[in-house]
Amino acid sequence: MKAISTFIVRVCDLLEAEGRSLRSAVREEARDAREHGKRLALGLGAGLATRLAILLIGVPLVVGGTALMAAGLLSWLETQMTRSLALGTTGLAVLVLGGLCLGLLSLAFGRRAP
């Protein structure tokens, strides 16, 4: 009987020690996860603000540059062909360029294989 009670006491002591070890490990991992979460949130916030600023500056520049390129192409094509044909060709060129840009954007942000 004494051996059984000693065995039970030792098993309970072992379970208590393992429980304490598990509790401290879980607390430490949770603390690390919170720290990593804070760093990630700060990094994403700064990165998001920077990306938004670049987007707000870059979009008008791209639109303006495309308009100037189209105007230059139109001026050059008017010397080569009639005005209406030059307008159609310039419009087609701008549409093709925009479609290519959207295609590249969809490739860049599309679904990726896991």
Protein backbone atom coordinates (compact mmCIF):
# COMPACT_ATOMS: atom_id res chain seq x y z
CA MET A 1 0.00 0.00 0.00
CA LYS A 2 2.87 2.31 0.84
CA ALA A 3 4.43 1.71 -2.60
CA ILE A 4 1.18 2.59 -4.36
CA SER A 5 0.76 5.80 -2.36
CA THR A 6 4.40 6.74 -3.00
CA PHE A 7 3.89 6.10 -6.72
CA ILE A 8 0.74 8.26 -6.78
CA VAL A 9 2.54 11.08 -4.91
CA ARG A 10 5.45 10.97 -7.35
CA VAL A 11 3.12 10.98 -10.37
CA CYS A 12 1.24 13.97 -8.93
CA ASP A 13 4.54 15.79 -8.28
CA LEU A 14 5.62 15.08 -11.83
CA LEU A 15 2.30 16.33 -13.22
CA GLU A 16 2.58 19.49 -11.09
CA ALA A 17 6.13 20.16 -12.31
CA GLU A 18 5.14 19.57 -15.93
CA GLY A 19 2.10 21.82 -15.49
CA ARG A 20 4.25 24.64 -14.13
CA SER A 21 6.73 24.19 -16.96
CA LEU A 22 3.91 24.23 -19.51
CA ARG A 23 2.34 27.32 -17.95
CA SER A 24 5.64 29.25 -18.01
CA ALA A 25 6.32 28.18 -21.61
CA VAL A 26 2.83 29.25 -22.72
CA ARG A 27 3.21 32.61 -20.96
CA GLU A 28 6.60 33.19 -22.57
CA GLU A 29 5.29 32.27 -26.03
CA ALA A 30 2.27 34.54 -25.57
CA ARG A 31 4.55 37.41 -24.54
CA ASP A 32 6.71 36.83 -27.64
CA ALA A 33 3.62 36.67 -29.85
CA ARG A 34 2.36 39.97 -28.45
CA GLU A 35 5.75 41.61 -29.06
CA HIS A 36 5.89 40.29 -32.63
CA GLY A 37 2.31 41.43 -33.19
CA LYS A 38 3.15 44.94 -32.00
CA ARG A 39 6.20 45.10 -34.26
CA LEU A 40 4.20 43.81 -37.20
CA ALA A 41 1.40 46.30 -36.62
CA LEU A 42 3.88 49.19 -36.43
CA GLY A 43 5.67 47.97 -39.54
CA LEU A 44 2.46 47.56 -41.51
CA GLY A 45 1.21 50.96 -40.43
CA ALA A 46 4.36 52.73 -41.56
CA GLY A 47 4.55 50.69 -44.74
CA LEU A 48 0.90 51.34 -45.52
CA ALA A 49 1.29 55.10 -45.06
CA THR A 50 4.38 55.13 -47.25
CA ARG A 51 2.68 53.08 -49.96
CA LEU A 52 -0.37 55.32 -49.88
CA ALA A 53 1.80 58.44 -50.20
CA ILE A 54 3.67 56.92 -53.15
CA LEU A 55 0.37 55.95 -54.75
CA LEU A 56 -1.09 59.45 -54.30
CA ILE A 57 2.00 61.00 -55.86
CA GLY A 58 2.58 58.39 -58.55
CA VAL A 59 -0.92 58.10 -60.03
CA PRO A 60 -1.23 61.75 -61.16
CA LEU A 61 2.29 61.60 -62.60
CA VAL A 62 1.49 58.47 -64.58
CA VAL A 63 -1.81 59.91 -65.83
CA GLY A 64 -0.12 63.16 -66.83
CA GLY A 65 2.75 61.35 -68.53
CA THR A 66 0.35 59.11 -70.44
CA ALA A 67 -1.66 62.14 -71.56
CA LEU A 68 1.47 63.90 -72.78
CA MET A 69 2.68 60.78 -74.59
CA ALA A 70 -0.71 60.41 -76.24
CA ALA A 71 -0.69 64.07 -77.27
CA GLY A 72 2.79 63.68 -78.74
CA LEU A 73 1.78 60.54 -80.61
CA LEU A 74 -1.33 62.27 -81.89
CA SER A 75 0.67 65.27 -83.12
CA TRP A 76 3.11 63.05 -84.93
CA LEU A 77 0.40 60.82 -86.43
CA GLU A 78 -1.54 63.86 -87.72
CA THR A 79 1.40 64.59 -90.03
CA GLN A 80 1.31 61.01 -91.31
CA MET A 81 -2.45 60.42 -91.74
CA THR A 82 -5.85 62.06 -91.35
CA ARG A 83 -6.88 63.50 -87.97
CA SER A 84 -9.62 60.94 -87.30
CA LEU A 85 -7.33 58.01 -88.08
CA ALA A 86 -4.62 59.55 -85.89
CA LEU A 87 -7.11 59.93 -83.02
CA GLY A 88 -8.24 56.32 -83.38
CA THR A 89 -4.70 55.00 -83.51
CA THR A 90 -3.68 57.04 -80.47
CA GLY A 91 -6.73 55.86 -78.53
CA LEU A 92 -6.01 52.26 -79.43
CA ALA A 93 -2.38 52.62 -78.35
CA VAL A 94 -3.42 54.08 -74.98
CA LEU A 95 -6.00 51.32 -74.45
CA VAL A 96 -3.45 48.61 -75.25
CA LEU A 97 -0.92 50.18 -72.89
CA GLY A 98 -3.54 50.41 -70.12
CA GLY A 99 -4.59 46.81 -70.68
CA LEU A 100 -0.99 45.64 -70.45
CA CYS A 101 -0.54 47.57 -67.19
CA LEU A 102 -3.71 46.04 -65.72
CA GLY A 103 -2.56 42.58 -66.82
CA LEU A 104 0.79 43.06 -65.11
CA LEU A 105 -0.98 44.33 -62.00
CA SER A 106 -3.23 41.27 -61.89
CA LEU A 107 -0.18 39.03 -62.26
CA ALA A 108 1.61 40.86 -59.45
CA PHE A 109 -1.32 40.73 -57.00
CA GLY A 110 -3.13 37.65 -58.27
CA ARG A 111 -3.46 34.31 -56.54
CA ARG A 112 -0.22 32.50 -56.05
CA ALA A 113 0.26 28.78 -55.72
CA PRO A 114 0.83 27.69 -52.11
